Amino acid sequence: MKVKCFDENTEKELEGKINSFLIGLVGDIIDIKYEVAIGIQGEDQIYCFSAMVIYSEKE
């Protein structure tokens, strides 16, 4: 079992990175964990979209 973590500033960027990874994956997806974090800096809101793909590779 292995994991791959992704961290992007927008949902679209996160989707793109995960989809690119999954296209090349030779194995099985076990689970995908998704999380959004929001921070405030002054008057700005900062978003962080992250995901962890848990998978197994075929030998």
PDB file of N, CA and C in Angstrom:
ATOM      1  N   MET A   1       0.853  -1.166   0.000  1.00  0.00           N
ATOM      2  CA  MET A   1       0.000   0.000   0.000  1.00  0.00           C
ATOM      3  C   MET A   1       0.901   1.232   0.000  1.00  0.00           C
ATOM      4  N   LYS A   2       0.505   2.249  -0.776  1.00  0.00           N
ATOM      5  CA  LYS A   2       1.247   3.502  -0.877  1.00  0.00           C
ATOM      6  C   LYS A   2       0.285   4.671  -0.802  1.00  0.00           C
ATOM      7  N   VAL A   3       0.847   5.875  -0.574  1.00  0.00           N
ATOM      8  CA  VAL A   3       0.033   7.091  -0.588  1.00  0.00           C
ATOM      9  C   VAL A   3       0.711   8.143  -1.458  1.00  0.00           C
ATOM     10  N   LYS A   4      -0.100   9.016  -2.024  1.00  0.00           N
ATOM     11  CA  LYS A   4       0.368  10.174  -2.786  1.00  0.00           C
ATOM     12  C   LYS A   4      -0.449  11.360  -2.303  1.00  0.00           C
ATOM     13  N   CYS A   5       0.234  12.422  -1.863  1.00  0.00           N
ATOM     14  CA  CYS A   5      -0.447  13.609  -1.341  1.00  0.00           C
ATOM     15  C   CYS A   5      -0.393  14.742  -2.356  1.00  0.00           C
ATOM     16  N   PHE A   6      -1.479  15.486  -2.427  1.00  0.00           N
ATOM     17  CA  PHE A   6      -1.598  16.620  -3.328  1.00  0.00           C
ATOM     18  C   PHE A   6      -2.048  17.835  -2.530  1.00  0.00           C
ATOM     19  N   ASP A   7      -1.555  19.018  -2.899  1.00  0.00           N
ATOM     20  CA  ASP A   7      -1.893  20.258  -2.204  1.00  0.00           C
ATOM     21  C   ASP A   7      -1.901  21.384  -3.237  1.00  0.00           C
ATOM     22  N   GLU A   8      -3.065  21.982  -3.467  1.00  0.00           N
ATOM     23  CA  GLU A   8      -3.188  23.022  -4.490  1.00  0.00           C
ATOM     24  C   GLU A   8      -4.004  24.201  -3.969  1.00  0.00           C
ATOM     25  N   ASN A   9      -3.935  25.316  -4.691  1.00  0.00           N
ATOM     26  CA  ASN A   9      -4.643  26.540  -4.292  1.00  0.00           C
ATOM     27  C   ASN A   9      -6.089  26.595  -4.769  1.00  0.00           C
ATOM     28  N   THR A  10      -6.419  25.825  -5.804  1.00  0.00           N
ATOM     29  CA  THR A  10      -7.792  25.820  -6.316  1.00  0.00           C
ATOM     30  C   THR A  10      -8.264  24.377  -6.516  1.00  0.00           C
ATOM     31  N   GLU A  11      -9.577  24.204  -6.531  1.00  0.00           N
ATOM     32  CA  GLU A  11     -10.151  22.872  -6.758  1.00  0.00           C
ATOM     33  C   GLU A  11      -9.786  22.348  -8.139  1.00  0.00           C
ATOM     34  N   LYS A  12      -9.810  23.208  -9.138  1.00  0.00           N
ATOM     35  CA  LYS A  12      -9.494  22.792 -10.514  1.00  0.00           C
ATOM     36  C   LYS A  12      -8.068  22.279 -10.625  1.00  0.00           C
ATOM     37  N   GLU A  13      -7.113  22.977  -9.967  1.00  0.00           N
ATOM     38  CA  GLU A  13      -5.721  22.530  -9.996  1.00  0.00           C
ATOM     39  C   GLU A  13      -5.582  21.165  -9.315  1.00  0.00           C
ATOM     40  N   LEU A  14      -6.280  20.990  -8.202  1.00  0.00           N
ATOM     41  CA  LEU A  14      -6.236  19.716  -7.489  1.00  0.00           C
ATOM     42  C   LEU A  14      -6.810  18.598  -8.351  1.00  0.00           C
ATOM     43  N   GLU A  15      -7.936  18.845  -8.986  1.00  0.00           N
ATOM     44  CA  GLU A  15      -8.542  17.853  -9.877  1.00  0.00           C
ATOM     45  C   GLU A  15      -7.580  17.459 -10.988  1.00  0.00           C
ATOM     46  N   GLY A  16      -6.948  18.450 -11.593  1.00  0.00           N
ATOM     47  CA  GLY A  16      -6.023  18.184 -12.687  1.00  0.00           C
ATOM     48  C   GLY A  16      -4.848  17.318 -12.254  1.00  0.00           C
ATOM     49  N   LYS A  17      -4.259  17.634 -11.105  1.00  0.00           N
ATOM     50  CA  LYS A  17      -3.114  16.867 -10.621  1.00  0.00           C
ATOM     51  C   LYS A  17      -3.517  15.428 -10.286  1.00  0.00           C
ATOM     52  N   ILE A  18      -4.655  15.270  -9.629  1.00  0.00           N
ATOM     53  CA  ILE A  18      -5.104  13.916  -9.273  1.00  0.00           C
ATOM     54  C   ILE A  18      -5.442  13.121 -10.527  1.00  0.00           C
ATOM     55  N   ASN A  19      -6.156  13.727 -11.463  1.00  0.00           N
ATOM     56  CA  ASN A  19      -6.510  13.019 -12.700  1.00  0.00           C
ATOM     57  C   ASN A  19      -5.271  12.602 -13.479  1.00  0.00           C
ATOM     58  N   SER A  20      -4.264  13.472 -13.541  1.00  0.00           N
ATOM     59  CA  SER A  20      -3.016  13.118 -14.227  1.00  0.00           C
ATOM     60  C   SER A  20      -2.330  11.936 -13.546  1.00  0.00           C
ATOM     61  N   PHE A  21      -2.329  11.938 -12.230  1.00  0.00           N
ATOM     62  CA  PHE A  21      -1.738  10.827 -11.486  1.00  0.00           C
ATOM     63  C   PHE A  21      -2.499   9.535 -11.746  1.00  0.00           C
ATOM     64  N   LEU A  22      -3.833   9.598 -11.720  1.00  0.00           N
ATOM     65  CA  LEU A  22      -4.644   8.390 -11.874  1.00  0.00           C
ATOM     66  C   LEU A  22      -4.541   7.791 -13.273  1.00  0.00           C
ATOM     67  N   ILE A  23      -4.356   8.637 -14.283  1.00  0.00           N
ATOM     68  CA  ILE A  23      -4.212   8.125 -15.650  1.00  0.00           C
ATOM     69  C   ILE A  23      -3.011   7.195 -15.753  1.00  0.00           C
ATOM     70  N   GLY A  24      -1.923   7.553 -15.077  1.00  0.00           N
ATOM     71  CA  GLY A  24      -0.711   6.747 -15.140  1.00  0.00           C
ATOM     72  C   GLY A  24      -0.614   5.648 -14.096  1.00  0.00           C
ATOM     73  N   LEU A  25      -1.606   5.533 -13.243  1.00  0.00           N
ATOM     74  CA  LEU A  25      -1.560   4.549 -12.158  1.00  0.00           C
ATOM     75  C   LEU A  25      -1.797   3.141 -12.690  1.00  0.00           C
ATOM     76  N   VAL A  26      -0.853   2.271 -12.393  1.00  0.00           N
ATOM     77  CA  VAL A  26      -1.014   0.853 -12.717  1.00  0.00           C
ATOM     78  C   VAL A  26      -1.217   0.147 -11.387  1.00  0.00           C
ATOM     79  N   GLY A  27      -2.453   0.018 -11.009  1.00  0.00           N
ATOM     80  CA  GLY A  27      -2.785  -0.575  -9.721  1.00  0.00           C
ATOM     81  C   GLY A  27      -4.223  -0.257  -9.355  1.00  0.00           C
ATOM     82  N   ASP A  28      -4.507  -0.332  -8.075  1.00  0.00           N
ATOM     83  CA  ASP A  28      -5.865  -0.133  -7.592  1.00  0.00           C
ATOM     84  C   ASP A  28      -5.929   1.020  -6.605  1.00  0.00           C
ATOM     85  N   ILE A  29      -6.974   1.828  -6.717  1.00  0.00           N
ATOM     86  CA  ILE A  29      -7.232   2.894  -5.749  1.00  0.00           C
ATOM     87  C   ILE A  29      -7.937   2.257  -4.556  1.00  0.00           C
ATOM     88  N   ILE A  30      -7.402   2.493  -3.379  1.00  0.00           N
ATOM     89  CA  ILE A  30      -8.033   1.980  -2.170  1.00  0.00           C
ATOM     90  C   ILE A  30      -8.975   3.029  -1.587  1.00  0.00           C
ATOM     91  N   ASP A  31      -8.521   4.288  -1.546  1.00  0.00           N
ATOM     92  CA  ASP A  31      -9.342   5.363  -0.984  1.00  0.00           C
ATOM     93  C   ASP A  31      -8.750   6.712  -1.390  1.00  0.00           C
ATOM     94  N   ILE A  32      -9.573   7.735  -1.333  1.00  0.00           N
ATOM     95  CA  ILE A  32      -9.121   9.112  -1.540  1.00  0.00           C
ATOM     96  C   ILE A  32      -9.697   9.949  -0.404  1.00  0.00           C
ATOM     97  N   LYS A  33      -8.817  10.627   0.313  1.00  0.00           N
ATOM     98  CA  LYS A  33      -9.215  11.520   1.402  1.00  0.00           C
ATOM     99  C   LYS A  33      -9.076  12.953   0.887  1.00  0.00           C
ATOM    100  N   TYR A  34     -10.081  13.785   1.155  1.00  0.00           N
ATOM    101  CA  TYR A  34     -10.126  15.159   0.644  1.00  0.00           C
ATOM    102  C   TYR A  34     -10.334  16.116   1.804  1.00  0.00           C
ATOM    103  N   GLU A  35      -9.652  17.276   1.752  1.00  0.00           N
ATOM    104  CA  GLU A  35      -9.802  18.255   2.825  1.00  0.00           C
ATOM    105  C   GLU A  35      -9.615  19.666   2.280  1.00  0.00           C
ATOM    106  N   VAL A  36     -10.340  20.603   2.889  1.00  0.00           N
ATOM    107  CA  VAL A  36     -10.201  22.026   2.563  1.00  0.00           C
ATOM    108  C   VAL A  36      -9.854  22.760   3.849  1.00  0.00           C
ATOM    109  N   ALA A  37      -8.837  23.610   3.763  1.00  0.00           N
ATOM    110  CA  ALA A  37      -8.460  24.452   4.902  1.00  0.00           C
ATOM    111  C   ALA A  37      -8.597  25.907   4.475  1.00  0.00           C
ATOM    112  N   ILE A  38      -9.073  26.730   5.393  1.00  0.00           N
ATOM    113  CA  ILE A  38      -9.259  28.152   5.114  1.00  0.00           C
ATOM    114  C   ILE A  38      -8.525  28.945   6.187  1.00  0.00           C
ATOM    115  N   GLY A  39      -7.736  29.904   5.728  1.00  0.00           N
ATOM    116  CA  GLY A  39      -7.036  30.788   6.651  1.00  0.00           C
ATOM    117  C   GLY A  39      -7.353  32.236   6.327  1.00  0.00           C
ATOM    118  N   ILE A  40      -7.208  33.105   7.292  1.00  0.00           N
ATOM    119  CA  ILE A  40      -7.464  34.532   7.094  1.00  0.00           C
ATOM    120  C   ILE A  40      -6.150  35.273   7.319  1.00  0.00           C
ATOM    121  N   GLN A  41      -5.807  36.112   6.369  1.00  0.00           N
ATOM    122  CA  GLN A  41      -4.621  36.954   6.491  1.00  0.00           C
ATOM    123  C   GLN A  41      -5.041  38.376   6.144  1.00  0.00           C
ATOM    124  N   GLY A  42      -5.174  39.197   7.149  1.00  0.00           N
ATOM    125  CA  GLY A  42      -5.704  40.538   6.921  1.00  0.00           C
ATOM    126  C   GLY A  42      -7.145  40.435   6.477  1.00  0.00           C
ATOM    127  N   GLU A  43      -7.434  40.985   5.300  1.00  0.00           N
ATOM    128  CA  GLU A  43      -8.789  40.894   4.738  1.00  0.00           C
ATOM    129  C   GLU A  43      -8.912  39.778   3.705  1.00  0.00           C
ATOM    130  N   ASP A  44      -7.833  39.021   3.490  1.00  0.00           N
ATOM    131  CA  ASP A  44      -7.830  37.958   2.492  1.00  0.00           C
ATOM    132  C   ASP A  44      -8.159  36.614   3.120  1.00  0.00           C
ATOM    133  N   GLN A  45      -8.880  35.792   2.353  1.00  0.00           N
ATOM    134  CA  GLN A  45      -9.117  34.406   2.733  1.00  0.00           C
ATOM    135  C   GLN A  45      -8.208  33.537   1.876  1.00  0.00           C
ATOM    136  N   ILE A  46      -7.498  32.632   2.508  1.00  0.00           N
ATOM    137  CA  ILE A  46      -6.580  31.752   1.797  1.00  0.00           C
ATOM    138  C   ILE A  46      -7.130  30.329   1.898  1.00  0.00           C
ATOM    139  N   TYR A  47      -7.307  29.693   0.746  1.00  0.00           N
ATOM    140  CA  TYR A  47      -7.834  28.336   0.691  1.00  0.00           C
ATOM    141  C   TYR A  47      -6.718  27.363   0.330  1.00  0.00           C
ATOM    142  N   CYS A  48      -6.784  26.184   0.900  1.00  0.00           N
ATOM    143  CA  CYS A  48      -5.854  25.111   0.583  1.00  0.00           C
ATOM    144  C   CYS A  48      -6.677  23.853   0.347  1.00  0.00           C
ATOM    145  N   PHE A  49      -6.615  23.321  -0.845  1.00  0.00           N
ATOM    146  CA  PHE A  49      -7.339  22.104  -1.207  1.00  0.00           C
ATOM    147  C   PHE A  49      -6.323  20.968  -1.257  1.00  0.00           C
ATOM    148  N   SER A  50      -6.566  19.926  -0.490  1.00  0.00           N
ATOM    149  CA  SER A  50      -5.609  18.826  -0.467  1.00  0.00           C
ATOM    150  C   SER A  50      -6.327  17.483  -0.519  1.00  0.00           C
ATOM    151  N   ALA A  51      -5.580  16.497  -0.979  1.00  0.00           N
ATOM    152  CA  ALA A  51      -6.118  15.138  -1.066  1.00  0.00           C
ATOM    153  C   ALA A  51      -4.973  14.150  -0.897  1.00  0.00           C
ATOM    154  N   MET A  52      -5.329  12.992  -0.377  1.00  0.00           N
ATOM    155  CA  MET A  52      -4.380  11.897  -0.258  1.00  0.00           C
ATOM    156  C   MET A  52      -4.996  10.684  -0.954  1.00  0.00           C
ATOM    157  N   VAL A  53      -4.280  10.162  -1.927  1.00  0.00           N
ATOM    158  CA  VAL A  53      -4.723   8.980  -2.650  1.00  0.00           C
ATOM    159  C   VAL A  53      -4.000   7.780  -2.043  1.00  0.00           C
ATOM    160  N   ILE A  54      -4.767   6.828  -1.582  1.00  0.00           N
ATOM    161  CA  ILE A  54      -4.220   5.588  -1.036  1.00  0.00           C
ATOM    162  C   ILE A  54      -4.414   4.528  -2.118  1.00  0.00           C
ATOM    163  N   TYR A  55      -3.319   3.863  -2.494  1.00  0.00           N
ATOM    164  CA  TYR A  55      -3.389   2.948  -3.623  1.00  0.00           C
ATOM    165  C   TYR A  55      -2.406   1.794  -3.454  1.00  0.00           C
ATOM    166  N   SER A  56      -2.567   0.791  -4.287  1.00  0.00           N
ATOM    167  CA  SER A  56      -1.605  -0.316  -4.356  1.00  0.00           C
ATOM    168  C   SER A  56      -1.159  -0.441  -5.806  1.00  0.00           C
ATOM    169  N   GLU A  57       0.120  -0.731  -5.975  1.00  0.00           N
ATOM    170  CA  GLU A  57       0.669  -0.898  -7.325  1.00  0.00           C
ATOM    171  C   GLU A  57       0.630  -2.371  -7.711  1.00  0.00           C
ATOM    172  N   LYS A  58       0.404  -2.614  -8.999  1.00  0.00           N
ATOM    173  CA  LYS A  58       0.468  -3.989  -9.494  1.00  0.00           C
ATOM    174  C   LYS A  58       1.923  -4.317  -9.788  1.00  0.00           C
ATOM    175  N   GLU A  59       2.297  -5.521  -9.491  1.00  0.00           N
ATOM    176  CA  GLU A  59       3.691  -5.953  -9.706  1.00  0.00           C
ATOM    177  C   GLU A  59       3.886  -6.540 -11.063  1.00  0.00           C
TER     178      GLU A  59
END
